Amino acid sequence: QSASSIVVEGNRRVDAETIRSYFQSKPGEPLTPAKIDEALKALYATGLFSDVTIANRGGRLVVTVAENEVINKVAFEGNKKLKDEQLAAEVQSKPRAPFSKTTVQADTQRIIELYHRSGRYDVRVEPQIIDRGQGRVDLVFEIKEGEKLGVAEIKFVGNKAFSVNKLKEEMTTTETDWLSWLKNTDVYDVDRINSDQELLRRFYLKHGYADFRIISVTADLDRAKNGFILTYVIDEGPQYTVGSVDVVSGIKDVDPSTIRAALRVQKGQVYNAELVEKSVENATIEVSKAGYAFAQVRPRGDRNVQSRTISLVFAVEEGPRVYIERIEIRGNTRTRDWVIR
């Protein structure tokens, strides 16, 4: 039995021959159970069908399909804070595309996430399907935006070296106050909170707390204050100073003393990760002045917990050479390329 003998039922818009084509890769190829199962999965994967059944009737293979409706229009109702264009750009359900309940569920969740990013955690989204006949439907997302929820309070647990107010100054998230109508930094935003965690790490590393870690960040909704209470539980660890500072050069013509003069760190000072980065930058410039444009300077830190020191070694290594493949010149209307070159 070949795919050309398959009986197709239930199709309205999709051509029967198109459905049969999923059951064969070569003309006259016999149908095997594995091939039928593969075709069944492929038909579902198209998103065109809500149901596909395959049966053997009177010695012939019968494929019965139920086609998904086609979306006639996608609309949004009740949205004021986010425009239709913003929402339409984010949802996967589009006009003239097959209607899929799975896609609509994902779109609903995506709209909710968009509102969460603007601080509206009371948002409700209900998708409504309006049958327009002839296999067409209108998809309407009914939205109840709810009130904006900000950050009512930021707390810290475990901070000893720095006050709560000082740590708040290092963060981009702020607490809701009478100036909140001028800013949006008091909005509860997961991405901003993740960014704040990195800012806190950099702040502590700048002041010598190399073992600093954030144990947890919790957000509790306080209905009485109409906002979230953020609690950062941190472990500062000890403050480190710089131990010995050495330069090791793997390039014969590069004098370590020249590199040492470019460093911004010295023995006895409070360890500062930003100054280590600046030292690497300065050292790389000095090496390039010596004619080694591809050289790399890599810092290594040896932490001594007992003495609370971090010894640093700046290793100069010759990196891989990079060659220019071509030079393109654009914008010249009167001057020829070879003149500019």
C-alpha atoms as a PDB file:
ATOM      1  CA  GLN A   1       0.000   0.000   0.000  1.00  0.00           C
ATOM      2  CA  SER A   2       1.356   3.458  -0.953  1.00  0.00           C
ATOM      3  CA  ALA A   3       0.565   6.981   0.204  1.00  0.00           C
ATOM      4  CA  SER A   4      -1.361   7.747  -2.999  1.00  0.00           C
ATOM      5  CA  SER A   5      -4.134   5.342  -1.916  1.00  0.00           C
ATOM      6  CA  ILE A   6      -4.775   7.127   1.418  1.00  0.00           C
ATOM      7  CA  VAL A   7      -8.292   8.501   1.963  1.00  0.00           C
ATOM      8  CA  VAL A   8      -8.342  11.963   3.573  1.00  0.00           C
ATOM      9  CA  GLU A   9     -11.408  13.183   5.460  1.00  0.00           C
ATOM     10  CA  GLY A  10     -12.327  16.305   7.410  1.00  0.00           C
ATOM     11  CA  ASN A  11     -10.058  18.738   5.570  1.00  0.00           C
ATOM     12  CA  ARG A  12     -11.535  22.078   4.532  1.00  0.00           C
ATOM     13  CA  ARG A  13      -8.652  24.387   3.689  1.00  0.00           C
ATOM     14  CA  VAL A  14      -5.668  22.051   3.526  1.00  0.00           C
ATOM     15  CA  ASP A  15      -5.466  20.133   0.260  1.00  0.00           C
ATOM     16  CA  ALA A  16      -5.770  16.323   0.570  1.00  0.00           C
ATOM     17  CA  GLU A  17      -2.695  15.815  -1.583  1.00  0.00           C
ATOM     18  CA  THR A  18      -0.695  18.000   0.813  1.00  0.00           C
ATOM     19  CA  ILE A  19      -1.737  15.744   3.712  1.00  0.00           C
ATOM     20  CA  ARG A  20      -0.834  12.609   1.734  1.00  0.00           C
ATOM     21  CA  SER A  21       2.626  14.036   1.011  1.00  0.00           C
ATOM     22  CA  TYR A  22       3.535  13.628   4.688  1.00  0.00           C
ATOM     23  CA  PHE A  23       3.283   9.842   4.305  1.00  0.00           C
ATOM     24  CA  GLN A  24       5.837   9.371   1.548  1.00  0.00           C
ATOM     25  CA  SER A  25       9.309  10.570   0.731  1.00  0.00           C
ATOM     26  CA  LYS A  26       9.612   8.691  -2.589  1.00  0.00           C
ATOM     27  CA  PRO A  27       6.903   7.855  -5.181  1.00  0.00           C
ATOM     28  CA  GLY A  28       5.494   4.355  -4.675  1.00  0.00           C
ATOM     29  CA  GLU A  29       7.253   3.917  -1.353  1.00  0.00           C
ATOM     30  CA  PRO A  30       5.361   1.347   0.797  1.00  0.00           C
ATOM     31  CA  LEU A  31       3.803   2.530   4.065  1.00  0.00           C
ATOM     32  CA  THR A  32       5.258   1.050   7.227  1.00  0.00           C
ATOM     33  CA  PRO A  33       4.009   1.527  10.817  1.00  0.00           C
ATOM     34  CA  ALA A  34       7.089   3.635  11.539  1.00  0.00           C
ATOM     35  CA  LYS A  35       6.410   5.843   8.507  1.00  0.00           C
ATOM     36  CA  ILE A  36       2.746   6.305   9.528  1.00  0.00           C
ATOM     37  CA  ASP A  37       3.741   7.249  13.075  1.00  0.00           C
ATOM     38  CA  GLU A  38       6.305   9.732  11.735  1.00  0.00           C
ATOM     39  CA  ALA A  39       3.680  11.317   9.456  1.00  0.00           C
ATOM     40  CA  LEU A  40       1.205  11.606  12.344  1.00  0.00           C
ATOM     41  CA  LYS A  41       3.720  13.542  14.430  1.00  0.00           C
ATOM     42  CA  ALA A  42       4.637  15.743  11.465  1.00  0.00           C
ATOM     43  CA  LEU A  43       0.983  16.655  10.813  1.00  0.00           C
ATOM     44  CA  TYR A  44       0.519  17.705  14.453  1.00  0.00           C
ATOM     45  CA  ALA A  45       3.758  19.690  14.290  1.00  0.00           C
ATOM     46  CA  THR A  46       2.387  21.875  11.476  1.00  0.00           C
ATOM     47  CA  GLY A  47      -0.027  23.499  13.921  1.00  0.00           C
ATOM     48  CA  LEU A  48      -2.770  23.281  11.299  1.00  0.00           C
ATOM     49  CA  PHE A  49      -4.726  20.498  12.972  1.00  0.00           C
ATOM     50  CA  SER A  50      -6.342  20.125  16.389  1.00  0.00           C
ATOM     51  CA  ASP A  51      -6.829  16.375  15.891  1.00  0.00           C
ATOM     52  CA  VAL A  52      -5.505  13.704  13.524  1.00  0.00           C
ATOM     53  CA  THR A  53      -6.646  10.078  13.588  1.00  0.00           C
ATOM     54  CA  ILE A  54      -5.477   7.232  11.380  1.00  0.00           C
ATOM     55  CA  ALA A  55      -7.567   4.092  10.886  1.00  0.00           C
ATOM     56  CA  ASN A  56      -7.633   1.085   8.600  1.00  0.00           C
ATOM     57  CA  ARG A  57     -11.041   0.830   6.961  1.00  0.00           C
ATOM     58  CA  GLY A  58     -11.858  -1.805   4.350  1.00  0.00           C
ATOM     59  CA  GLY A  59      -8.208  -2.395   3.642  1.00  0.00           C
ATOM     60  CA  ARG A  60      -7.577   1.302   3.028  1.00  0.00           C
ATOM     61  CA  LEU A  61      -5.801   3.793   5.266  1.00  0.00           C
ATOM     62  CA  VAL A  62      -8.127   6.650   6.286  1.00  0.00           C
ATOM     63  CA  VAL A  63      -6.682   9.870   7.709  1.00  0.00           C
ATOM     64  CA  THR A  64      -9.296  12.023   9.472  1.00  0.00           C
ATOM     65  CA  VAL A  65      -8.259  15.535  10.400  1.00  0.00           C
ATOM     66  CA  ALA A  66      -9.843  18.366  12.362  1.00  0.00           C
ATOM     67  CA  GLU A  67      -8.394  21.635  11.214  1.00  0.00           C
ATOM     68  CA  ASN A  68      -7.541  24.415  13.598  1.00  0.00           C
ATOM     69  CA  GLU A  69      -9.479  27.612  13.080  1.00  0.00           C
ATOM     70  CA  VAL A  70      -7.645  30.499  11.444  1.00  0.00           C
ATOM     71  CA  ILE A  71      -7.206  33.697  13.444  1.00  0.00           C
ATOM     72  CA  ASN A  72      -9.069  36.524  11.750  1.00  0.00           C
ATOM     73  CA  LYS A  73      -8.014  39.295  14.156  1.00  0.00           C
ATOM     74  CA  VAL A  74      -6.036  39.728  17.384  1.00  0.00           C
ATOM     75  CA  ALA A  75      -7.291  42.500  19.659  1.00  0.00           C
ATOM     76  CA  PHE A  76      -6.634  43.814  23.179  1.00  0.00           C
ATOM     77  CA  GLU A  77      -9.198  45.359  25.515  1.00  0.00           C
ATOM     78  CA  GLY A  78      -8.732  47.144  28.854  1.00  0.00           C
ATOM     79  CA  ASN A  79      -5.068  47.991  28.350  1.00  0.00           C
ATOM     80  CA  LYS A  80      -4.079  51.592  29.112  1.00  0.00           C
ATOM     81  CA  LYS A  81      -0.510  51.408  30.389  1.00  0.00           C
ATOM     82  CA  LEU A  82       0.724  49.248  27.505  1.00  0.00           C
ATOM     83  CA  LYS A  83      -0.262  50.084  23.925  1.00  0.00           C
ATOM     84  CA  ASP A  84      -1.789  47.634  21.452  1.00  0.00           C
ATOM     85  CA  GLU A  85       1.377  47.815  19.341  1.00  0.00           C
ATOM     86  CA  GLN A  86       3.565  46.793  22.281  1.00  0.00           C
ATOM     87  CA  LEU A  87       1.392  43.795  23.098  1.00  0.00           C
ATOM     88  CA  ALA A  88       0.929  42.713  19.465  1.00  0.00           C
ATOM     89  CA  ALA A  89       4.710  42.656  18.993  1.00  0.00           C
ATOM     90  CA  GLU A  90       5.112  40.239  21.917  1.00  0.00           C
ATOM     91  CA  VAL A  91       2.376  37.665  21.278  1.00  0.00           C
ATOM     92  CA  GLN A  92       2.878  34.773  18.871  1.00  0.00           C
ATOM     93  CA  SER A  93      -0.789  34.566  17.832  1.00  0.00           C
ATOM     94  CA  LYS A  94      -1.074  36.508  14.590  1.00  0.00           C
ATOM     95  CA  PRO A  95      -3.871  37.239  12.064  1.00  0.00           C
ATOM     96  CA  ARG A  96      -4.156  34.590   9.292  1.00  0.00           C
ATOM     97  CA  ALA A  97      -2.191  32.097  11.421  1.00  0.00           C
ATOM     98  CA  PRO A  98      -3.704  28.829  12.755  1.00  0.00           C
ATOM     99  CA  PHE A  99      -5.416  29.158  16.120  1.00  0.00           C
ATOM    100  CA  SER A 100      -3.608  27.185  18.837  1.00  0.00           C
ATOM    101  CA  LYS A 101      -4.716  26.911  22.471  1.00  0.00           C
ATOM    102  CA  THR A 102      -1.130  26.250  23.524  1.00  0.00           C
ATOM    103  CA  THR A 103       0.080  29.418  21.804  1.00  0.00           C
ATOM    104  CA  VAL A 104      -2.757  31.463  23.336  1.00  0.00           C
ATOM    105  CA  GLN A 105      -1.826  30.203  26.817  1.00  0.00           C
ATOM    106  CA  ALA A 106       1.802  31.178  26.228  1.00  0.00           C
ATOM    107  CA  ASP A 107       0.705  34.601  24.925  1.00  0.00           C
ATOM    108  CA  THR A 108      -1.433  35.145  28.006  1.00  0.00           C
ATOM    109  CA  GLN A 109       1.516  34.426  30.267  1.00  0.00           C
ATOM    110  CA  ARG A 110       3.757  36.693  28.189  1.00  0.00           C
ATOM    111  CA  ILE A 111       1.324  39.622  28.571  1.00  0.00           C
ATOM    112  CA  ILE A 112       1.234  39.035  32.344  1.00  0.00           C
ATOM    113  CA  GLU A 113       5.058  39.084  32.449  1.00  0.00           C
ATOM    114  CA  LEU A 114       5.128  42.384  30.549  1.00  0.00           C
ATOM    115  CA  TYR A 115       2.849  43.955  33.139  1.00  0.00           C
ATOM    116  CA  HIS A 116       4.925  42.495  35.965  1.00  0.00           C
ATOM    117  CA  ARG A 117       7.945  44.337  34.556  1.00  0.00           C
ATOM    118  CA  SER A 118       6.048  47.608  34.888  1.00  0.00           C
ATOM    119  CA  GLY A 119       5.164  46.825  38.525  1.00  0.00           C
ATOM    120  CA  ARG A 120       1.568  45.680  37.995  1.00  0.00           C
ATOM    121  CA  TYR A 121       1.290  42.347  39.761  1.00  0.00           C
ATOM    122  CA  ASP A 122      -2.499  42.429  40.100  1.00  0.00           C
ATOM    123  CA  VAL A 123      -2.959  42.141  36.332  1.00  0.00           C
ATOM    124  CA  ARG A 124      -5.550  39.671  35.011  1.00  0.00           C
ATOM    125  CA  VAL A 125      -5.603  38.495  31.390  1.00  0.00           C
ATOM    126  CA  GLU A 126      -8.472  36.471  29.923  1.00  0.00           C
ATOM    127  CA  PRO A 127      -8.368  35.324  26.273  1.00  0.00           C
ATOM    128  CA  GLN A 128     -11.776  35.328  24.541  1.00  0.00           C
ATOM    129  CA  ILE A 129     -12.553  33.477  21.307  1.00  0.00           C
ATOM    130  CA  ILE A 130     -15.243  34.879  18.998  1.00  0.00           C
ATOM    131  CA  ASP A 131     -16.406  32.534  16.242  1.00  0.00           C
ATOM    132  CA  ARG A 132     -16.723  34.339  12.909  1.00  0.00           C
ATOM    133  CA  GLY A 133     -17.832  31.272  10.913  1.00  0.00           C
ATOM    134  CA  GLN A 134     -16.122  29.446   8.051  1.00  0.00           C
ATOM    135  CA  GLY A 135     -13.333  28.309  10.372  1.00  0.00           C
ATOM    136  CA  ARG A 136     -12.320  31.835  11.371  1.00  0.00           C
ATOM    137  CA  VAL A 137     -12.105  33.272  14.891  1.00  0.00           C
ATOM    138  CA  ASP A 138     -11.285  36.596  16.507  1.00  0.00           C
ATOM    139  CA  LEU A 139      -8.893  36.404  19.451  1.00  0.00           C
ATOM    140  CA  VAL A 140      -9.430  39.061  22.110  1.00  0.00           C
ATOM    141  CA  PHE A 141      -7.245  39.425  25.209  1.00  0.00           C
ATOM    142  CA  GLU A 142      -9.305  41.084  27.953  1.00  0.00           C
ATOM    143  CA  ILE A 143      -6.932  42.808  30.378  1.00  0.00           C
ATOM    144  CA  LYS A 144      -7.517  44.142  33.895  1.00  0.00           C
ATOM    145  CA  GLU A 145      -4.308  45.989  34.656  1.00  0.00           C
ATOM    146  CA  GLY A 146      -4.709  46.488  38.399  1.00  0.00           C
ATOM    147  CA  GLU A 147      -2.677  48.892  40.490  1.00  0.00           C
ATOM    148  CA  LYS A 148       1.044  49.476  40.244  1.00  0.00           C
ATOM    149  CA  LEU A 149       3.049  47.764  43.003  1.00  0.00           C
ATOM    150  CA  GLY A 150       6.403  49.238  43.928  1.00  0.00           C
ATOM    151  CA  VAL A 151       9.141  48.507  46.446  1.00  0.00           C
ATOM    152  CA  ALA A 152       7.877  49.671  49.830  1.00  0.00           C
ATOM    153  CA  GLU A 153      11.051  48.821  51.772  1.00  0.00           C
ATOM    154  CA  ILE A 154      14.563  47.427  51.226  1.00  0.00           C
ATOM    155  CA  LYS A 155      16.110  45.517  54.143  1.00  0.00           C
ATOM    156  CA  PHE A 156      19.561  43.998  54.699  1.00  0.00           C
ATOM    157  CA  VAL A 157      20.537  41.195  57.036  1.00  0.00           C
ATOM    158  CA  GLY A 158      24.227  40.480  57.764  1.00  0.00           C
ATOM    159  CA  ASN A 159      25.739  43.863  56.905  1.00  0.00           C
ATOM    160  CA  LYS A 160      28.295  45.093  59.447  1.00  0.00           C
ATOM    161  CA  ALA A 161      30.849  47.150  57.525  1.00  0.00           C
ATOM    162  CA  PHE A 162      28.322  49.382  55.763  1.00  0.00           C
ATOM    163  CA  SER A 163      25.010  50.874  56.797  1.00  0.00           C
ATOM    164  CA  VAL A 164      21.698  50.080  55.133  1.00  0.00           C
ATOM    165  CA  ASN A 165      21.543  53.601  53.670  1.00  0.00           C
ATOM    166  CA  LYS A 166      25.015  53.264  52.120  1.00  0.00           C
ATOM    167  CA  LEU A 167      24.089  49.952  50.482  1.00  0.00           C
ATOM    168  CA  LYS A 168      20.847  51.441  49.151  1.00  0.00           C
ATOM    169  CA  GLU A 169      22.887  54.204  47.492  1.00  0.00           C
ATOM    170  CA  GLU A 170      24.772  51.572  45.465  1.00  0.00           C
ATOM    171  CA  MET A 171      21.573  50.066  44.044  1.00  0.00           C
ATOM    172  CA  THR A 172      19.342  51.205  41.190  1.00  0.00           C
ATOM    173  CA  THR A 173      16.126  50.020  42.855  1.00  0.00           C
ATOM    174  CA  THR A 174      14.674  52.631  45.211  1.00  0.00           C
ATOM    175  CA  GLU A 175      11.901  52.666  47.779  1.00  0.00           C
ATOM    176  CA  THR A 176       8.541  54.229  46.965  1.00  0.00           C
ATOM    177  CA  ASP A 177       8.284  57.796  48.246  1.00  0.00           C
ATOM    178  CA  TRP A 178       6.604  61.092  47.375  1.00  0.00           C
ATOM    179  CA  LEU A 179       8.912  61.494  44.339  1.00  0.00           C
ATOM    180  CA  SER A 180       7.903  58.141  42.823  1.00  0.00           C
ATOM    181  CA  TRP A 181       5.625  59.773  40.275  1.00  0.00           C
ATOM    182  CA  LEU A 182       8.776  61.298  38.700  1.00  0.00           C
ATOM    183  CA  LYS A 183      10.687  58.022  38.435  1.00  0.00           C
ATOM    184  CA  ASN A 184      10.158  54.323  37.853  1.00  0.00           C
ATOM    185  CA  THR A 185      13.091  52.931  39.841  1.00  0.00           C
ATOM    186  CA  ASP A 186      10.729  52.012  42.692  1.00  0.00           C
ATOM    187  CA  VAL A 187       8.908  49.509  40.446  1.00  0.00           C
ATOM    188  CA  TYR A 188       9.490  45.881  41.424  1.00  0.00           C
ATOM    189  CA  ASP A 189      11.549  44.564  38.494  1.00  0.00           C
ATOM    190  CA  VAL A 190      13.325  41.176  38.611  1.00  0.00           C
ATOM    191  CA  ASP A 191      15.933  42.241  36.029  1.00  0.00           C
ATOM    192  CA  ARG A 192      16.769  45.379  38.010  1.00  0.00           C
ATOM    193  CA  ILE A 193      17.086  43.351  41.218  1.00  0.00           C
ATOM    194  CA  ASN A 194      19.498  40.952  39.496  1.00  0.00           C
ATOM    195  CA  SER A 195      21.510  43.946  38.316  1.00  0.00           C
ATOM    196  CA  ASP A 196      21.529  45.331  41.863  1.00  0.00           C
ATOM    197  CA  GLN A 197      23.035  42.109  43.154  1.00  0.00           C
ATOM    198  CA  GLU A 198      25.952  42.530  40.759  1.00  0.00           C
ATOM    199  CA  LEU A 199      26.343  46.180  41.834  1.00  0.00           C
ATOM    200  CA  LEU A 200      26.520  45.075  45.483  1.00  0.00           C
ATOM    201  CA  ARG A 201      29.165  42.453  44.658  1.00  0.00           C
ATOM    202  CA  ARG A 202      31.289  45.005  42.818  1.00  0.00           C
ATOM    203  CA  PHE A 203      30.925  47.476  45.690  1.00  0.00           C
ATOM    204  CA  TYR A 204      32.143  44.972  48.284  1.00  0.00           C
ATOM    205  CA  LEU A 205      34.973  43.741  46.024  1.00  0.00           C
ATOM    206  CA  LYS A 206      36.053  47.362  45.624  1.00  0.00           C
ATOM    207  CA  HIS A 207      36.431  47.607  49.410  1.00  0.00           C
ATOM    208  CA  GLY A 208      38.379  44.403  49.945  1.00  0.00           C
ATOM    209  CA  TYR A 209      35.605  41.939  50.773  1.00  0.00           C
ATOM    210  CA  ALA A 210      36.661  39.220  48.349  1.00  0.00           C
ATOM    211  CA  ASP A 211      34.566  36.518  50.054  1.00  0.00           C
ATOM    212  CA  PHE A 212      31.348  38.547  49.867  1.00  0.00           C
ATOM    213  CA  ARG A 213      28.266  36.614  48.798  1.00  0.00           C
ATOM    214  CA  ILE A 214      24.524  37.174  48.645  1.00  0.00           C
ATOM    215  CA  ILE A 215      22.845  34.284  50.399  1.00  0.00           C
ATOM    216  CA  SER A 216      19.289  35.135  49.323  1.00  0.00           C
ATOM    217  CA  VAL A 217      16.979  37.871  48.076  1.00  0.00           C
ATOM    218  CA  THR A 218      13.307  37.570  48.992  1.00  0.00           C
ATOM    219  CA  ALA A 219      10.355  39.697  47.934  1.00  0.00           C
ATOM    220  CA  ASP A 220       7.280  39.681  50.170  1.00  0.00           C
ATOM    221  CA  LEU A 221       4.133  41.488  49.090  1.00  0.00           C
ATOM    222  CA  ASP A 222       2.811  43.769  51.840  1.00  0.00           C
ATOM    223  CA  ARG A 223      -0.787  44.689  51.005  1.00  0.00           C
ATOM    224  CA  ALA A 224      -0.919  47.250  53.809  1.00  0.00           C
ATOM    225  CA  LYS A 225       2.006  49.159  52.270  1.00  0.00           C
ATOM    226  CA  ASN A 226       0.848  48.381  48.701  1.00  0.00           C
ATOM    227  CA  GLY A 227       4.287  47.170  47.713  1.00  0.00           C
ATOM    228  CA  PHE A 228       7.042  44.593  48.059  1.00  0.00           C
ATOM    229  CA  ILE A 229       9.508  44.318  50.906  1.00  0.00           C
ATOM    230  CA  LEU A 230      12.916  43.247  49.586  1.00  0.00           C
ATOM    231  CA  THR A 231      15.202  41.471  52.029  1.00  0.00           C
ATOM    232  CA  TYR A 232      18.865  40.874  51.142  1.00  0.00           C
ATOM    233  CA  VAL A 233      20.626  38.315  53.304  1.00  0.00           C
ATOM    234  CA  ILE A 234      24.376  38.779  52.833  1.00  0.00           C
ATOM    235  CA  ASP A 235      27.651  37.411  54.148  1.00  0.00           C
ATOM    236  CA  GLU A 236      30.344  40.100  53.996  1.00  0.00           C
ATOM    237  CA  GLY A 237      33.292  37.934  54.982  1.00  0.00           C
ATOM    238  CA  PRO A 238      36.638  39.436  56.081  1.00  0.00           C
ATOM    239  CA  GLN A 239      38.278  42.468  54.505  1.00  0.00           C
ATOM    240  CA  TYR A 240      41.492  41.645  52.604  1.00  0.00           C
ATOM    241  CA  THR A 241      44.579  43.739  51.978  1.00  0.00           C
ATOM    242  CA  VAL A 242      47.070  43.326  49.134  1.00  0.00           C
ATOM    243  CA  GLY A 243      49.979  41.006  49.876  1.00  0.00           C
ATOM    244  CA  SER A 244      52.948  40.779  47.558  1.00  0.00           C
ATOM    245  CA  VAL A 245      52.647  42.161  44.007  1.00  0.00           C
ATOM    246  CA  ASP A 246      54.762  40.499  41.307  1.00  0.00           C
ATOM    247  CA  VAL A 247      55.069  40.703  37.528  1.00  0.00           C
ATOM    248  CA  VAL A 248      56.088  37.695  35.470  1.00  0.00           C
ATOM    249  CA  SER A 249      56.872  38.250  31.806  1.00  0.00           C
ATOM    250  CA  GLY A 250      56.814  35.453  29.273  1.00  0.00           C
ATOM    251  CA  ILE A 251      58.111  37.858  26.607  1.00  0.00           C
ATOM    252  CA  LYS A 252      61.901  38.226  26.637  1.00  0.00           C
ATOM    253  CA  ASP A 253      61.992  41.874  25.521  1.00  0.00           C
ATOM    254  CA  VAL A 254      59.396  43.109  28.033  1.00  0.00           C
ATOM    255  CA  ASP A 255      60.974  44.388  31.270  1.00  0.00           C
ATOM    256  CA  PRO A 256      58.802  43.484  34.328  1.00  0.00           C
ATOM    257  CA  SER A 257      59.874  46.718  36.056  1.00  0.00           C
ATOM    258  CA  THR A 258      58.212  48.755  33.282  1.00  0.00           C
ATOM    259  CA  ILE A 259      54.990  46.865  33.820  1.00  0.00           C
ATOM    260  CA  ARG A 260      55.249  47.215  37.602  1.00  0.00           C
ATOM    261  CA  ALA A 261      55.298  51.022  37.269  1.00  0.00           C
ATOM    262  CA  ALA A 262      51.947  50.907  35.456  1.00  0.00           C
ATOM    263  CA  LEU A 263      50.173  48.957  38.201  1.00  0.00           C
ATOM    264  CA  ARG A 264      47.627  50.664  40.432  1.00  0.00           C
ATOM    265  CA  VAL A 265      47.912  48.210  43.340  1.00  0.00           C
ATOM    266  CA  GLN A 266      50.613  47.949  45.971  1.00  0.00           C
ATOM    267  CA  LYS A 267      51.359  45.904  49.058  1.00  0.00           C
ATOM    268  CA  GLY A 268      49.431  46.861  52.190  1.00  0.00           C
ATOM    269  CA  GLN A 269      46.511  48.696  50.583  1.00  0.00           C
ATOM    270  CA  VAL A 270      42.927  47.466  50.850  1.00  0.00           C
ATOM    271  CA  TYR A 271      42.256  44.987  48.051  1.00  0.00           C
ATOM    272  CA  ASN A 272      40.277  46.673  45.255  1.00  0.00           C
ATOM    273  CA  ALA A 273      39.025  44.576  42.335  1.00  0.00           C
ATOM    274  CA  GLU A 274      38.469  47.708  40.228  1.00  0.00           C
ATOM    275  CA  LEU A 275      42.111  48.772  40.652  1.00  0.00           C
ATOM    276  CA  VAL A 276      43.201  45.268  39.640  1.00  0.00           C
ATOM    277  CA  GLU A 277      41.195  45.648  36.412  1.00  0.00           C
ATOM    278  CA  LYS A 278      42.701  49.106  35.852  1.00  0.00           C
ATOM    279  CA  SER A 279      46.189  47.685  36.446  1.00  0.00           C
ATOM    280  CA  VAL A 280      45.609  45.040  33.782  1.00  0.00           C
ATOM    281  CA  GLU A 281      44.457  47.754  31.371  1.00  0.00           C
ATOM    282  CA  ASN A 282      47.508  49.976  32.046  1.00  0.00           C
ATOM    283  CA  ALA A 283      49.920  47.037  31.826  1.00  0.00           C
ATOM    284  CA  THR A 284      48.438  45.939  28.495  1.00  0.00           C
ATOM    285  CA  ILE A 285      48.975  49.452  27.102  1.00  0.00           C
ATOM    286  CA  GLU A 286      52.619  49.433  28.250  1.00  0.00           C
ATOM    287  CA  VAL A 287      53.240  46.069  26.593  1.00  0.00           C
ATOM    288  CA  SER A 288      51.676  47.273  23.338  1.00  0.00           C
ATOM    289  CA  LYS A 289      53.991  50.328  23.396  1.00  0.00           C
ATOM    290  CA  ALA A 290      56.889  47.873  23.348  1.00  0.00           C
ATOM    291  CA  GLY A 291      55.577  46.535  20.047  1.00  0.00           C
ATOM    292  CA  TYR A 292      53.592  43.554  21.315  1.00  0.00           C
ATOM    293  CA  ALA A 293      50.060  44.475  20.260  1.00  0.00           C
ATOM    294  CA  PHE A 294      48.809  40.923  20.778  1.00  0.00           C
ATOM    295  CA  ALA A 295      50.190  40.424  24.271  1.00  0.00           C
ATOM    296  CA  GLN A 296      47.831  39.678  27.157  1.00  0.00           C
ATOM    297  CA  VAL A 297      48.196  40.500  30.841  1.00  0.00           C
ATOM    298  CA  ARG A 298      46.435  38.082  33.176  1.00  0.00           C
ATOM    299  CA  PRO A 299      46.114  38.658  36.941  1.00  0.00           C
ATOM    300  CA  ARG A 300      46.315  35.777  39.410  1.00  0.00           C
ATOM    301  CA  GLY A 301      45.318  36.111  43.055  1.00  0.00           C
ATOM    302  CA  ASP A 302      46.526  33.920  45.898  1.00  0.00           C
ATOM    303  CA  ARG A 303      44.174  34.348  48.859  1.00  0.00           C
ATOM    304  CA  ASN A 304      45.487  33.780  52.394  1.00  0.00           C
ATOM    305  CA  VAL A 305      42.539  33.487  54.780  1.00  0.00           C
ATOM    306  CA  GLN A 306      44.718  33.460  57.935  1.00  0.00           C
ATOM    307  CA  SER A 307      46.570  36.689  57.162  1.00  0.00           C
ATOM    308  CA  ARG A 308      43.607  38.135  55.214  1.00  0.00           C
ATOM    309  CA  THR A 309      45.825  39.082  52.305  1.00  0.00           C
ATOM    310  CA  ILE A 310      45.623  38.504  48.560  1.00  0.00           C
ATOM    311  CA  SER A 311      48.956  38.249  46.773  1.00  0.00           C
ATOM    312  CA  LEU A 312      48.833  39.270  43.110  1.00  0.00           C
ATOM    313  CA  VAL A 313      50.847  38.094  40.135  1.00  0.00           C
ATOM    314  CA  PHE A 314      50.443  39.828  36.772  1.00  0.00           C
ATOM    315  CA  ALA A 315      51.539  37.438  34.046  1.00  0.00           C
ATOM    316  CA  VAL A 316      52.465  38.876  30.637  1.00  0.00           C
ATOM    317  CA  GLU A 317      51.895  36.393  27.810  1.00  0.00           C
ATOM    318  CA  GLU A 318      52.075  36.704  24.059  1.00  0.00           C
ATOM    319  CA  GLY A 319      48.569  36.105  22.707  1.00  0.00           C
ATOM    320  CA  PRO A 320      47.541  34.808  19.292  1.00  0.00           C
ATOM    321  CA  ARG A 321      48.253  37.159  16.393  1.00  0.00           C
ATOM    322  CA  VAL A 322      45.261  38.595  14.548  1.00  0.00           C
ATOM    323  CA  TYR A 323      45.639  39.573  10.902  1.00  0.00           C
ATOM    324  CA  ILE A 324      43.672  42.123   8.883  1.00  0.00           C
ATOM    325  CA  GLU A 325      41.769  40.377   6.098  1.00  0.00           C
ATOM    326  CA  ARG A 326      40.614  43.479   4.216  1.00  0.00           C
ATOM    327  CA  ILE A 327      40.095  47.198   4.688  1.00  0.00           C
ATOM    328  CA  GLU A 328      36.811  48.682   3.499  1.00  0.00           C
ATOM    329  CA  ILE A 329      36.443  52.406   2.830  1.00  0.00           C
ATOM    330  CA  ARG A 330      32.979  53.923   2.651  1.00  0.00           C
ATOM    331  CA  GLY A 331      31.610  57.416   2.178  1.00  0.00           C
ATOM    332  CA  ASN A 332      34.283  58.625  -0.251  1.00  0.00           C
ATOM    333  CA  THR A 333      32.627  60.199  -3.304  1.00  0.00           C
ATOM    334  CA  ARG A 334      35.497  62.242  -4.755  1.00  0.00           C
ATOM    335  CA  THR A 335      38.600  60.598  -3.335  1.00  0.00           C
ATOM    336  CA  ARG A 336      39.548  57.185  -4.687  1.00  0.00           C
ATOM    337  CA  ASP A 337      40.168  54.251  -2.350  1.00  0.00           C
ATOM    338  CA  TRP A 338      43.856  53.926  -3.214  1.00  0.00           C
ATOM    339  CA  VAL A 339      44.502  57.576  -2.231  1.00  0.00           C
ATOM    340  CA  ILE A 340      42.975  57.014   1.210  1.00  0.00           C
ATOM    341  CA  ARG A 341      44.886  53.747   1.630  1.00  0.00           C
END
